[in-house]
N, C-alpha and C. Protein backbone atom coordinates (compact mmCIF):
# COMPACT_ATOMS: atom_id res chain seq x y z
N UNK A 1 9.98 42.62 -13.18
CA UNK A 1 9.11 42.12 -14.23
C UNK A 1 7.99 41.34 -13.54
N UNK A 2 6.75 41.79 -13.73
CA UNK A 2 5.62 41.11 -13.10
C UNK A 2 5.01 40.06 -14.03
N UNK A 3 4.01 39.34 -13.54
CA UNK A 3 3.43 38.24 -14.31
C UNK A 3 2.76 38.72 -15.60
N UNK A 4 2.27 39.94 -15.62
CA UNK A 4 1.64 40.47 -16.84
C UNK A 4 2.70 40.69 -17.92
N UNK A 5 3.83 41.26 -17.54
CA UNK A 5 4.92 41.47 -18.50
C UNK A 5 5.49 40.14 -18.98
N UNK A 6 5.62 39.18 -18.06
CA UNK A 6 6.10 37.85 -18.45
C UNK A 6 5.16 37.23 -19.46
N UNK A 7 3.86 37.32 -19.25
CA UNK A 7 2.89 36.77 -20.20
C UNK A 7 3.00 37.44 -21.56
N UNK A 8 3.16 38.75 -21.57
CA UNK A 8 3.33 39.48 -22.84
C UNK A 8 4.58 39.01 -23.58
N UNK A 9 5.66 38.84 -22.84
CA UNK A 9 6.92 38.42 -23.48
C UNK A 9 6.84 36.99 -24.01
N UNK A 10 6.20 36.10 -23.26
CA UNK A 10 6.01 34.72 -23.72
C UNK A 10 5.16 34.71 -24.99
N UNK A 11 4.07 35.48 -24.99
CA UNK A 11 3.20 35.58 -26.17
C UNK A 11 3.97 36.12 -27.37
N UNK A 12 4.81 37.13 -27.13
CA UNK A 12 5.59 37.73 -28.22
C UNK A 12 6.59 36.72 -28.79
N UNK A 13 7.20 35.91 -27.94
CA UNK A 13 8.13 34.89 -28.43
C UNK A 13 7.40 33.89 -29.32
N UNK A 14 6.24 33.44 -28.90
CA UNK A 14 5.47 32.49 -29.69
C UNK A 14 5.08 33.10 -31.04
N UNK A 15 4.68 34.35 -31.02
CA UNK A 15 4.31 35.04 -32.26
C UNK A 15 5.52 35.19 -33.19
N UNK A 16 6.69 35.49 -32.63
CA UNK A 16 7.91 35.62 -33.43
C UNK A 16 8.31 34.28 -34.03
N UNK A 17 8.11 33.21 -33.29
CA UNK A 17 8.41 31.87 -33.80
C UNK A 17 7.47 31.53 -34.96
N UNK A 18 6.22 31.90 -34.83
CA UNK A 18 5.24 31.67 -35.90
C UNK A 18 5.64 32.44 -37.15
N UNK A 19 6.10 33.67 -36.97
CA UNK A 19 6.54 34.50 -38.10
C UNK A 19 7.76 33.90 -38.80
N UNK A 20 8.53 33.10 -38.07
CA UNK A 20 9.70 32.43 -38.66
C UNK A 20 9.30 31.14 -39.37
N UNK A 21 8.01 30.83 -39.37
CA UNK A 21 7.54 29.65 -40.09
C UNK A 21 7.53 28.38 -39.26
N UNK A 22 7.74 28.49 -37.95
CA UNK A 22 7.71 27.30 -37.10
C UNK A 22 6.26 26.87 -36.90
N UNK A 23 6.04 25.59 -36.89
CA UNK A 23 4.69 25.05 -36.78
C UNK A 23 4.34 24.76 -35.32
N UNK A 24 3.18 25.18 -34.92
CA UNK A 24 2.67 25.01 -33.56
C UNK A 24 3.68 25.46 -32.50
N UNK A 25 4.13 26.71 -32.61
CA UNK A 25 5.12 27.18 -31.64
C UNK A 25 4.52 27.36 -30.25
N UNK A 26 5.35 27.15 -29.27
CA UNK A 26 4.94 27.35 -27.89
C UNK A 26 6.13 27.90 -27.12
N UNK A 27 5.87 28.83 -26.24
CA UNK A 27 6.90 29.40 -25.38
C UNK A 27 6.39 29.40 -23.95
N UNK A 28 7.27 29.11 -23.02
CA UNK A 28 6.90 29.09 -21.61
C UNK A 28 8.05 29.66 -20.77
N UNK A 29 7.69 30.25 -19.66
CA UNK A 29 8.66 30.78 -18.71
C UNK A 29 8.57 29.90 -17.46
N UNK A 30 9.74 29.54 -16.93
CA UNK A 30 9.74 28.62 -15.79
C UNK A 30 10.72 29.08 -14.73
N UNK A 31 10.27 28.98 -13.49
CA UNK A 31 11.14 29.24 -12.34
C UNK A 31 11.15 27.96 -11.52
N UNK A 32 12.34 27.47 -11.25
CA UNK A 32 12.48 26.24 -10.49
C UNK A 32 13.53 26.46 -9.41
N UNK A 33 13.38 25.76 -8.31
CA UNK A 33 14.32 25.95 -7.20
C UNK A 33 15.75 25.64 -7.63
N UNK A 34 16.66 26.45 -7.14
CA UNK A 34 18.10 26.25 -7.33
C UNK A 34 18.54 26.22 -8.79
N UNK A 35 17.82 26.91 -9.65
CA UNK A 35 18.17 26.97 -11.07
C UNK A 35 17.97 28.40 -11.57
N UNK A 36 18.51 28.66 -12.74
CA UNK A 36 18.27 29.94 -13.40
C UNK A 36 16.81 29.99 -13.87
N UNK A 37 16.33 31.21 -14.15
CA UNK A 37 15.06 31.36 -14.85
C UNK A 37 15.22 30.69 -16.20
N UNK A 38 14.14 30.19 -16.74
CA UNK A 38 14.28 29.43 -17.98
C UNK A 38 13.11 29.70 -18.93
N UNK A 39 13.48 29.85 -20.19
CA UNK A 39 12.50 29.94 -21.26
C UNK A 39 12.54 28.61 -22.00
N UNK A 40 11.36 28.06 -22.24
CA UNK A 40 11.24 26.79 -22.94
C UNK A 40 10.50 27.06 -24.25
N UNK A 41 11.18 26.82 -25.37
CA UNK A 41 10.59 27.00 -26.69
C UNK A 41 10.37 25.63 -27.30
N UNK A 42 9.19 25.43 -27.92
CA UNK A 42 8.87 24.15 -28.53
C UNK A 42 8.09 24.38 -29.81
N UNK A 43 8.33 23.52 -30.81
CA UNK A 43 7.60 23.58 -32.06
C UNK A 43 7.64 22.22 -32.73
N UNK A 44 6.80 22.03 -33.73
CA UNK A 44 6.75 20.76 -34.47
C UNK A 44 7.75 20.81 -35.61
N UNK A 45 8.48 19.73 -35.78
CA UNK A 45 9.36 19.57 -36.94
C UNK A 45 8.62 18.68 -37.92
N UNK A 46 8.02 19.29 -38.91
CA UNK A 46 7.18 18.54 -39.85
C UNK A 46 8.00 17.76 -40.87
N UNK A 47 9.32 17.89 -40.84
CA UNK A 47 10.14 17.11 -41.77
C UNK A 47 10.42 15.71 -41.23
N UNK A 48 10.17 15.47 -39.97
CA UNK A 48 10.41 14.14 -39.40
C UNK A 48 9.15 13.30 -39.57
N UNK A 49 9.31 12.17 -40.24
CA UNK A 49 8.15 11.33 -40.50
C UNK A 49 8.26 9.95 -39.85
N UNK A 50 9.41 9.59 -39.33
CA UNK A 50 9.57 8.26 -38.75
C UNK A 50 8.61 8.03 -37.59
N UNK A 51 8.54 8.96 -36.67
CA UNK A 51 7.65 8.82 -35.51
C UNK A 51 6.91 10.13 -35.33
N UNK A 52 5.70 10.18 -35.84
CA UNK A 52 4.95 11.42 -35.85
C UNK A 52 4.66 11.95 -34.44
N UNK A 53 4.73 11.08 -33.44
CA UNK A 53 4.41 11.51 -32.08
C UNK A 53 5.60 12.09 -31.32
N UNK A 54 6.78 11.99 -31.90
CA UNK A 54 7.94 12.55 -31.20
C UNK A 54 8.69 13.51 -32.12
N UNK A 55 7.96 14.33 -32.84
CA UNK A 55 8.62 15.24 -33.78
C UNK A 55 8.70 16.67 -33.24
N UNK A 56 8.68 16.82 -31.93
CA UNK A 56 8.84 18.14 -31.34
C UNK A 56 10.32 18.52 -31.31
N UNK A 57 10.57 19.76 -31.64
CA UNK A 57 11.89 20.35 -31.44
C UNK A 57 11.75 21.28 -30.23
N UNK A 58 12.81 21.43 -29.48
CA UNK A 58 12.72 22.30 -28.32
C UNK A 58 14.07 22.91 -27.98
N UNK A 59 14.00 23.97 -27.22
CA UNK A 59 15.20 24.69 -26.79
C UNK A 59 14.94 25.27 -25.41
N UNK A 60 15.84 25.03 -24.47
CA UNK A 60 15.80 25.63 -23.15
C UNK A 60 16.83 26.75 -23.12
N UNK A 61 16.43 27.91 -22.65
CA UNK A 61 17.33 29.06 -22.59
C UNK A 61 17.24 29.66 -21.19
N UNK A 62 18.36 29.66 -20.49
CA UNK A 62 18.38 30.13 -19.12
C UNK A 62 18.97 31.52 -18.99
N UNK A 63 18.66 32.16 -17.87
CA UNK A 63 19.21 33.47 -17.56
C UNK A 63 19.18 33.72 -16.07
N UNK A 64 20.04 34.61 -15.61
CA UNK A 64 20.09 34.91 -14.19
C UNK A 64 18.84 35.65 -13.72
N UNK A 65 18.22 36.40 -14.62
CA UNK A 65 16.99 37.14 -14.31
C UNK A 65 15.98 36.83 -15.42
N UNK A 66 14.70 37.10 -15.15
CA UNK A 66 13.72 36.92 -16.23
C UNK A 66 14.08 37.74 -17.46
N UNK A 67 14.51 38.98 -17.29
CA UNK A 67 14.87 39.83 -18.42
C UNK A 67 16.02 39.22 -19.21
N UNK A 68 17.01 38.70 -18.51
CA UNK A 68 18.15 38.06 -19.17
C UNK A 68 17.70 36.85 -20.00
N UNK A 69 16.84 36.02 -19.43
CA UNK A 69 16.35 34.84 -20.14
C UNK A 69 15.55 35.25 -21.38
N UNK A 70 14.69 36.26 -21.23
CA UNK A 70 13.90 36.71 -22.38
C UNK A 70 14.78 37.34 -23.46
N UNK A 71 15.79 38.07 -23.06
CA UNK A 71 16.71 38.67 -24.04
C UNK A 71 17.41 37.59 -24.84
N UNK A 72 17.91 36.56 -24.17
CA UNK A 72 18.59 35.46 -24.85
C UNK A 72 17.62 34.69 -25.76
N UNK A 73 16.40 34.45 -25.27
CA UNK A 73 15.41 33.72 -26.07
C UNK A 73 15.02 34.51 -27.31
N UNK A 74 14.85 35.82 -27.16
CA UNK A 74 14.51 36.66 -28.31
C UNK A 74 15.64 36.64 -29.34
N UNK A 75 16.88 36.70 -28.88
CA UNK A 75 18.03 36.64 -29.79
C UNK A 75 18.07 35.31 -30.52
N UNK A 76 17.77 34.22 -29.83
CA UNK A 76 17.75 32.90 -30.45
C UNK A 76 16.70 32.86 -31.57
N UNK A 77 15.49 33.33 -31.29
CA UNK A 77 14.42 33.32 -32.29
C UNK A 77 14.79 34.23 -33.46
N UNK A 78 15.37 35.39 -33.17
CA UNK A 78 15.77 36.31 -34.25
C UNK A 78 16.77 35.66 -35.21
N UNK A 79 17.61 34.77 -34.70
CA UNK A 79 18.64 34.12 -35.52
C UNK A 79 18.10 32.93 -36.33
N UNK A 80 16.88 32.52 -36.07
CA UNK A 80 16.31 31.40 -36.83
C UNK A 80 16.14 31.80 -38.29
N UNK A 81 16.10 30.81 -39.19
CA UNK A 81 15.89 31.13 -40.60
C UNK A 81 14.56 31.84 -40.82
N UNK A 82 14.48 32.57 -41.93
CA UNK A 82 13.22 33.23 -42.28
C UNK A 82 12.17 32.17 -42.60
N UNK A 83 10.92 32.59 -42.70
CA UNK A 83 9.84 31.66 -43.02
C UNK A 83 10.09 31.00 -44.38
N UNK A 84 10.57 31.77 -45.37
CA UNK A 84 10.86 31.20 -46.69
C UNK A 84 11.97 30.16 -46.61
N UNK A 85 13.03 30.47 -45.87
CA UNK A 85 14.12 29.51 -45.70
C UNK A 85 13.63 28.27 -44.97
N UNK A 86 12.79 28.47 -43.96
CA UNK A 86 12.26 27.33 -43.20
C UNK A 86 11.39 26.44 -44.09
N UNK A 87 10.58 27.05 -44.95
CA UNK A 87 9.74 26.26 -45.86
C UNK A 87 10.60 25.46 -46.84
N UNK A 88 11.67 26.07 -47.34
CA UNK A 88 12.55 25.34 -48.25
C UNK A 88 13.24 24.19 -47.52
N UNK A 89 13.69 24.43 -46.30
CA UNK A 89 14.31 23.36 -45.52
C UNK A 89 13.30 22.25 -45.23
N UNK A 90 12.06 22.65 -44.96
CA UNK A 90 11.01 21.66 -44.71
C UNK A 90 10.80 20.81 -45.96
N UNK A 91 10.73 21.45 -47.12
CA UNK A 91 10.55 20.71 -48.37
C UNK A 91 11.72 19.77 -48.62
N UNK A 92 12.94 20.28 -48.43
CA UNK A 92 14.12 19.46 -48.67
C UNK A 92 14.17 18.29 -47.69
N UNK A 93 13.76 18.52 -46.44
CA UNK A 93 13.72 17.44 -45.46
C UNK A 93 12.72 16.37 -45.86
N UNK A 94 11.55 16.82 -46.33
CA UNK A 94 10.53 15.87 -46.77
C UNK A 94 11.02 15.09 -47.99
N UNK A 95 11.69 15.77 -48.92
CA UNK A 95 12.22 15.11 -50.11
C UNK A 95 13.29 14.09 -49.71
N UNK A 96 14.14 14.44 -48.78
CA UNK A 96 15.17 13.51 -48.31
C UNK A 96 14.52 12.28 -47.67
N UNK A 97 13.44 12.50 -46.92
CA UNK A 97 12.73 11.37 -46.31
C UNK A 97 12.14 10.46 -47.37
N UNK A 98 11.59 11.04 -48.45
CA UNK A 98 11.02 10.24 -49.54
C UNK A 98 12.12 9.41 -50.21
N UNK A 99 13.27 10.03 -50.45
CA UNK A 99 14.39 9.31 -51.07
C UNK A 99 14.83 8.16 -50.16
N UNK A 100 14.98 8.43 -48.86
CA UNK A 100 15.39 7.39 -47.91
C UNK A 100 14.35 6.26 -47.85
N UNK A 101 13.08 6.63 -47.85
CA UNK A 101 12.01 5.64 -47.82
C UNK A 101 12.04 4.78 -49.08
N UNK A 102 12.28 5.40 -50.22
CA UNK A 102 12.38 4.66 -51.47
C UNK A 102 13.52 3.66 -51.44
N UNK A 103 14.68 4.10 -50.95
CA UNK A 103 15.83 3.19 -50.84
C UNK A 103 15.53 2.03 -49.89
N UNK A 104 14.93 2.37 -48.76
CA UNK A 104 14.61 1.38 -47.74
C UNK A 104 13.64 0.33 -48.28
N UNK A 105 12.71 0.75 -49.12
CA UNK A 105 11.69 -0.15 -49.65
C UNK A 105 12.03 -0.73 -51.01
N UNK A 106 13.25 -0.51 -51.46
CA UNK A 106 13.71 -1.12 -52.70
C UNK A 106 13.09 -0.54 -53.96
N UNK A 107 12.73 0.72 -53.93
CA UNK A 107 12.19 1.38 -55.12
C UNK A 107 13.29 1.42 -56.17
N UNK A 108 12.93 1.16 -57.40
CA UNK A 108 13.92 1.08 -58.47
C UNK A 108 14.63 2.42 -58.65
N UNK A 109 15.91 2.30 -59.02
CA UNK A 109 16.80 3.45 -59.10
C UNK A 109 16.31 4.49 -60.11
N UNK A 110 15.64 4.08 -61.19
CA UNK A 110 15.19 5.07 -62.17
C UNK A 110 14.13 6.02 -61.60
N UNK A 111 13.46 5.60 -60.53
CA UNK A 111 12.51 6.49 -59.87
C UNK A 111 13.20 7.40 -58.85
N UNK A 112 14.27 6.90 -58.28
CA UNK A 112 14.98 7.68 -57.26
C UNK A 112 15.95 8.69 -57.86
N UNK A 113 16.54 8.39 -59.01
CA UNK A 113 17.53 9.30 -59.61
C UNK A 113 16.99 10.71 -59.84
N UNK A 114 15.79 10.88 -60.40
CA UNK A 114 15.29 12.26 -60.57
C UNK A 114 15.10 12.99 -59.23
N UNK A 115 14.69 12.25 -58.22
CA UNK A 115 14.52 12.87 -56.89
C UNK A 115 15.87 13.30 -56.33
N UNK A 116 16.88 12.45 -56.49
CA UNK A 116 18.21 12.79 -56.00
C UNK A 116 18.80 13.96 -56.79
N UNK A 117 18.52 14.03 -58.08
CA UNK A 117 19.00 15.15 -58.89
C UNK A 117 18.34 16.45 -58.44
N UNK A 118 17.04 16.37 -58.14
CA UNK A 118 16.32 17.55 -57.64
C UNK A 118 16.92 18.00 -56.31
N UNK A 119 17.19 17.05 -55.42
CA UNK A 119 17.77 17.39 -54.12
C UNK A 119 19.14 18.04 -54.30
N UNK A 120 19.94 17.53 -55.21
CA UNK A 120 21.26 18.11 -55.45
C UNK A 120 21.14 19.54 -55.97
N UNK A 121 20.23 19.75 -56.92
CA UNK A 121 20.04 21.09 -57.49
C UNK A 121 19.56 22.07 -56.42
N UNK A 122 18.61 21.64 -55.60
CA UNK A 122 18.12 22.50 -54.52
C UNK A 122 19.24 22.85 -53.56
N UNK A 123 20.05 21.86 -53.21
CA UNK A 123 21.16 22.10 -52.29
C UNK A 123 22.15 23.10 -52.86
N UNK A 124 22.46 22.96 -54.14
CA UNK A 124 23.40 23.90 -54.78
C UNK A 124 22.81 25.30 -54.84
N UNK A 125 21.50 25.41 -55.13
CA UNK A 125 20.85 26.72 -55.18
C UNK A 125 20.84 27.39 -53.82
N UNK A 126 20.64 26.61 -52.79
CA UNK A 126 20.64 27.19 -51.44
C UNK A 126 22.04 27.69 -51.09
N UNK A 127 23.05 26.91 -51.42
CA UNK A 127 24.43 27.31 -51.11
C UNK A 127 24.83 28.60 -51.81
N UNK A 128 24.34 28.78 -53.04
CA UNK A 128 24.71 29.97 -53.79
C UNK A 128 23.59 30.99 -53.88
N UNK A 129 22.42 30.68 -53.32
CA UNK A 129 21.23 31.54 -53.32
C UNK A 129 20.98 32.12 -54.72
N UNK A 130 20.64 31.24 -55.63
CA UNK A 130 20.45 31.62 -57.02
C UNK A 130 19.04 32.08 -57.34
N UNK A 131 18.18 32.25 -56.34
CA UNK A 131 16.81 32.68 -56.60
C UNK A 131 16.77 34.07 -57.23
N UNK A 132 17.68 34.96 -56.83
CA UNK A 132 17.67 36.33 -57.33
C UNK A 132 18.23 36.43 -58.76
N UNK A 133 18.96 35.42 -59.17
CA UNK A 133 19.61 35.46 -60.48
C UNK A 133 18.62 35.24 -61.61
């Protein structure tokens, strides 16, 4: 596998991550002394609001050969939720953060109860996937 093929595979991983709904995806291939070949995947987790500067998610995937590392990385990305599922998880994460922020700041319970009821309903719908019904 030459550097041109490696660049194509890295680009394809980033594109596949974008198709899965990941925000600002990045993929890199790394060779380091005395270690396996490594694929580094990184993206923004927009559901984290506590520290906006450290909301990167990442995954290191190693392999004995570049092909092995790319195969494992592609399988990992393929197993990620679909873009629709990712958007719903993003929404639910943001809603959970709003509920937590309300509790932390002493927002009255009558304002939080409808949000908690919405979160419960969304969670139940996801568990039973009632969108098709």
